[in-house]
Amino acid sequence: MGNIDHGRMPDHQYIERVSERTQFIRDYKSCLLDLTKKERDVMLLWFDRNMEHSYTAEEIGIALGMNPRTVKSTKDKALKKIKENPRMKKYRGYLG
């Protein structure tokens, strides 16, 4: 669900894609509320507001006082919880 290139699709398709992406982000953010504080903090740093990779495990570890291996395992655990959340069922193809 990366950035949407409007120049390559008709307006109605572009509007539909933007709407789908907006709903995905809303659903994703609501799933964050089901995570522990540590998991939520890692996910918010791992993915920026555009849902693209933002900081490295090392950078997050420094910010949160964790080692990079713990950051990665926390991110993996949080992603698993998000993927298993019923609100995210319709996005399983995007989430892997």
C-alpha atoms as a PDB file:
ATOM      1  CA  MET A   1       0.000   0.000   0.000  1.00  0.00           C
ATOM      2  CA  GLY A   2       2.674   2.473  -0.996  1.00  0.00           C
ATOM      3  CA  ASN A   3       2.128   5.907  -2.452  1.00  0.00           C
ATOM      4  CA  ILE A   4      -0.569   6.157  -5.102  1.00  0.00           C
ATOM      5  CA  ASP A   5       0.429   7.561  -8.514  1.00  0.00           C
ATOM      6  CA  HIS A   6      -2.603   9.513  -9.731  1.00  0.00           C
ATOM      7  CA  GLY A   7      -1.046  10.178 -13.134  1.00  0.00           C
ATOM      8  CA  ARG A   8      -1.511   6.568 -14.230  1.00  0.00           C
ATOM      9  CA  MET A   9      -5.155   5.925 -13.407  1.00  0.00           C
ATOM     10  CA  PRO A  10      -8.561   7.482 -14.041  1.00  0.00           C
ATOM     11  CA  ASP A  11      -9.965   9.777 -11.343  1.00  0.00           C
ATOM     12  CA  HIS A  12     -12.565   7.275 -10.095  1.00  0.00           C
ATOM     13  CA  GLN A  13      -9.904   4.582  -9.598  1.00  0.00           C
ATOM     14  CA  TYR A  14      -7.635   7.061  -7.840  1.00  0.00           C
ATOM     15  CA  ILE A  15     -10.433   8.108  -5.465  1.00  0.00           C
ATOM     16  CA  GLU A  16     -11.215   4.456  -4.735  1.00  0.00           C
ATOM     17  CA  ARG A  17      -7.550   3.657  -3.981  1.00  0.00           C
ATOM     18  CA  VAL A  18      -7.203   6.689  -1.703  1.00  0.00           C
ATOM     19  CA  SER A  19     -10.368   5.654   0.122  1.00  0.00           C
ATOM     20  CA  GLU A  20      -9.087   2.075   0.552  1.00  0.00           C
ATOM     21  CA  ARG A  21      -5.734   3.330   1.834  1.00  0.00           C
ATOM     22  CA  THR A  22      -7.424   5.725   4.259  1.00  0.00           C
ATOM     23  CA  GLN A  23      -9.586   2.904   5.633  1.00  0.00           C
ATOM     24  CA  PHE A  24      -6.534   0.629   5.940  1.00  0.00           C
ATOM     25  CA  ILE A  25      -4.691   3.268   7.958  1.00  0.00           C
ATOM     26  CA  ARG A  26      -7.723   3.760  10.238  1.00  0.00           C
ATOM     27  CA  ASP A  27      -8.015   0.013  10.808  1.00  0.00           C
ATOM     28  CA  TYR A  28      -4.269  -0.322  11.386  1.00  0.00           C
ATOM     29  CA  LYS A  29      -4.281   2.507  13.929  1.00  0.00           C
ATOM     30  CA  SER A  30      -7.208   0.964  15.774  1.00  0.00           C
ATOM     31  CA  CYS A  31      -5.249  -2.304  15.960  1.00  0.00           C
ATOM     32  CA  LEU A  32      -2.348  -0.450  17.560  1.00  0.00           C
ATOM     33  CA  LEU A  33      -4.585   0.168  20.564  1.00  0.00           C
ATOM     34  CA  ASP A  34      -4.685  -3.604  21.170  1.00  0.00           C
ATOM     35  CA  LEU A  35      -0.881  -3.807  21.488  1.00  0.00           C
ATOM     36  CA  THR A  36       1.258  -3.308  24.560  1.00  0.00           C
ATOM     37  CA  LYS A  37       2.834   0.124  24.963  1.00  0.00           C
ATOM     38  CA  LYS A  38       6.249  -1.258  23.967  1.00  0.00           C
ATOM     39  CA  GLU A  39       4.830  -2.957  20.847  1.00  0.00           C
ATOM     40  CA  ARG A  40       2.918   0.187  19.899  1.00  0.00           C
ATOM     41  CA  ASP A  41       5.994   2.398  20.351  1.00  0.00           C
ATOM     42  CA  VAL A  42       8.103   0.094  18.178  1.00  0.00           C
ATOM     43  CA  MET A  43       5.448  -0.035  15.440  1.00  0.00           C
ATOM     44  CA  LEU A  44       4.987   3.736  15.421  1.00  0.00           C
ATOM     45  CA  LEU A  45       8.723   4.211  14.949  1.00  0.00           C
ATOM     46  CA  TRP A  46       9.162   1.313  12.520  1.00  0.00           C
ATOM     47  CA  PHE A  47       6.501   2.637  10.144  1.00  0.00           C
ATOM     48  CA  ASP A  48       6.078   6.352   9.510  1.00  0.00           C
ATOM     49  CA  ARG A  49       2.689   8.026   9.038  1.00  0.00           C
ATOM     50  CA  ASN A  50       2.631   6.896   5.383  1.00  0.00           C
ATOM     51  CA  MET A  51       2.996   3.258   6.464  1.00  0.00           C
ATOM     52  CA  GLU A  52       6.467   3.054   4.993  1.00  0.00           C
ATOM     53  CA  HIS A  53       9.577   1.876   6.836  1.00  0.00           C
ATOM     54  CA  SER A  54      10.962   4.744   8.844  1.00  0.00           C
ATOM     55  CA  TYR A  55      13.657   3.975  11.447  1.00  0.00           C
ATOM     56  CA  THR A  56      16.113   1.091  11.749  1.00  0.00           C
ATOM     57  CA  ALA A  57      16.073  -1.389  14.618  1.00  0.00           C
ATOM     58  CA  GLU A  58      19.252   0.232  15.898  1.00  0.00           C
ATOM     59  CA  GLU A  59      17.712   3.724  15.880  1.00  0.00           C
ATOM     60  CA  ILE A  60      14.549   2.494  17.578  1.00  0.00           C
ATOM     61  CA  GLY A  61      16.617   0.619  20.141  1.00  0.00           C
ATOM     62  CA  ILE A  62      18.494   3.787  21.048  1.00  0.00           C
ATOM     63  CA  ALA A  63      15.259   5.781  21.307  1.00  0.00           C
ATOM     64  CA  LEU A  64      13.498   3.184  23.468  1.00  0.00           C
ATOM     65  CA  GLY A  65      16.456   1.768  25.403  1.00  0.00           C
ATOM     66  CA  MET A  66      16.248  -1.657  23.752  1.00  0.00           C
ATOM     67  CA  ASN A  67      18.770  -3.711  21.822  1.00  0.00           C
ATOM     68  CA  PRO A  68      18.107  -4.129  18.074  1.00  0.00           C
ATOM     69  CA  ARG A  69      17.298  -7.834  18.402  1.00  0.00           C
ATOM     70  CA  THR A  70      14.584  -7.059  20.967  1.00  0.00           C
ATOM     71  CA  VAL A  71      13.213  -4.329  18.686  1.00  0.00           C
ATOM     72  CA  LYS A  72      12.924  -6.791  15.794  1.00  0.00           C
ATOM     73  CA  SER A  73      11.281  -9.508  17.890  1.00  0.00           C
ATOM     74  CA  THR A  74       8.860  -6.947  19.371  1.00  0.00           C
ATOM     75  CA  LYS A  75       7.996  -5.720  15.859  1.00  0.00           C
ATOM     76  CA  ASP A  76       7.449  -9.290  14.645  1.00  0.00           C
ATOM     77  CA  LYS A  77       5.202 -10.078  17.621  1.00  0.00           C
ATOM     78  CA  ALA A  78       3.196  -6.879  17.087  1.00  0.00           C
ATOM     79  CA  LEU A  79       2.820  -7.562  13.338  1.00  0.00           C
ATOM     80  CA  LYS A  80       1.552 -11.058  14.113  1.00  0.00           C
ATOM     81  CA  LYS A  81      -1.067  -9.608  16.484  1.00  0.00           C
ATOM     82  CA  ILE A  82      -2.099  -7.049  13.866  1.00  0.00           C
ATOM     83  CA  LYS A  83      -2.359  -9.687  11.109  1.00  0.00           C
ATOM     84  CA  GLU A  84      -4.497 -11.885  13.373  1.00  0.00           C
ATOM     85  CA  ASN A  85      -6.805  -9.010  14.332  1.00  0.00           C
ATOM     86  CA  PRO A  86     -10.275  -9.505  12.763  1.00  0.00           C
ATOM     87  CA  ARG A  87     -10.310  -5.854  11.595  1.00  0.00           C
ATOM     88  CA  MET A  88      -7.322  -6.604   9.364  1.00  0.00           C
ATOM     89  CA  LYS A  89      -8.737  -9.761   7.747  1.00  0.00           C
ATOM     90  CA  LYS A  90      -9.530  -7.989   4.472  1.00  0.00           C
ATOM     91  CA  TYR A  91      -5.906  -6.751   4.208  1.00  0.00           C
ATOM     92  CA  ARG A  92      -4.169 -10.109   4.615  1.00  0.00           C
ATOM     93  CA  GLY A  93      -2.980  -9.952   1.006  1.00  0.00           C
ATOM     94  CA  TYR A  94      -1.195  -6.677   1.731  1.00  0.00           C
ATOM     95  CA  LEU A  95       0.210  -7.789   5.070  1.00  0.00           C
ATOM     96  CA  GLY A  96       1.698 -11.062   3.874  1.00  0.00           C
END
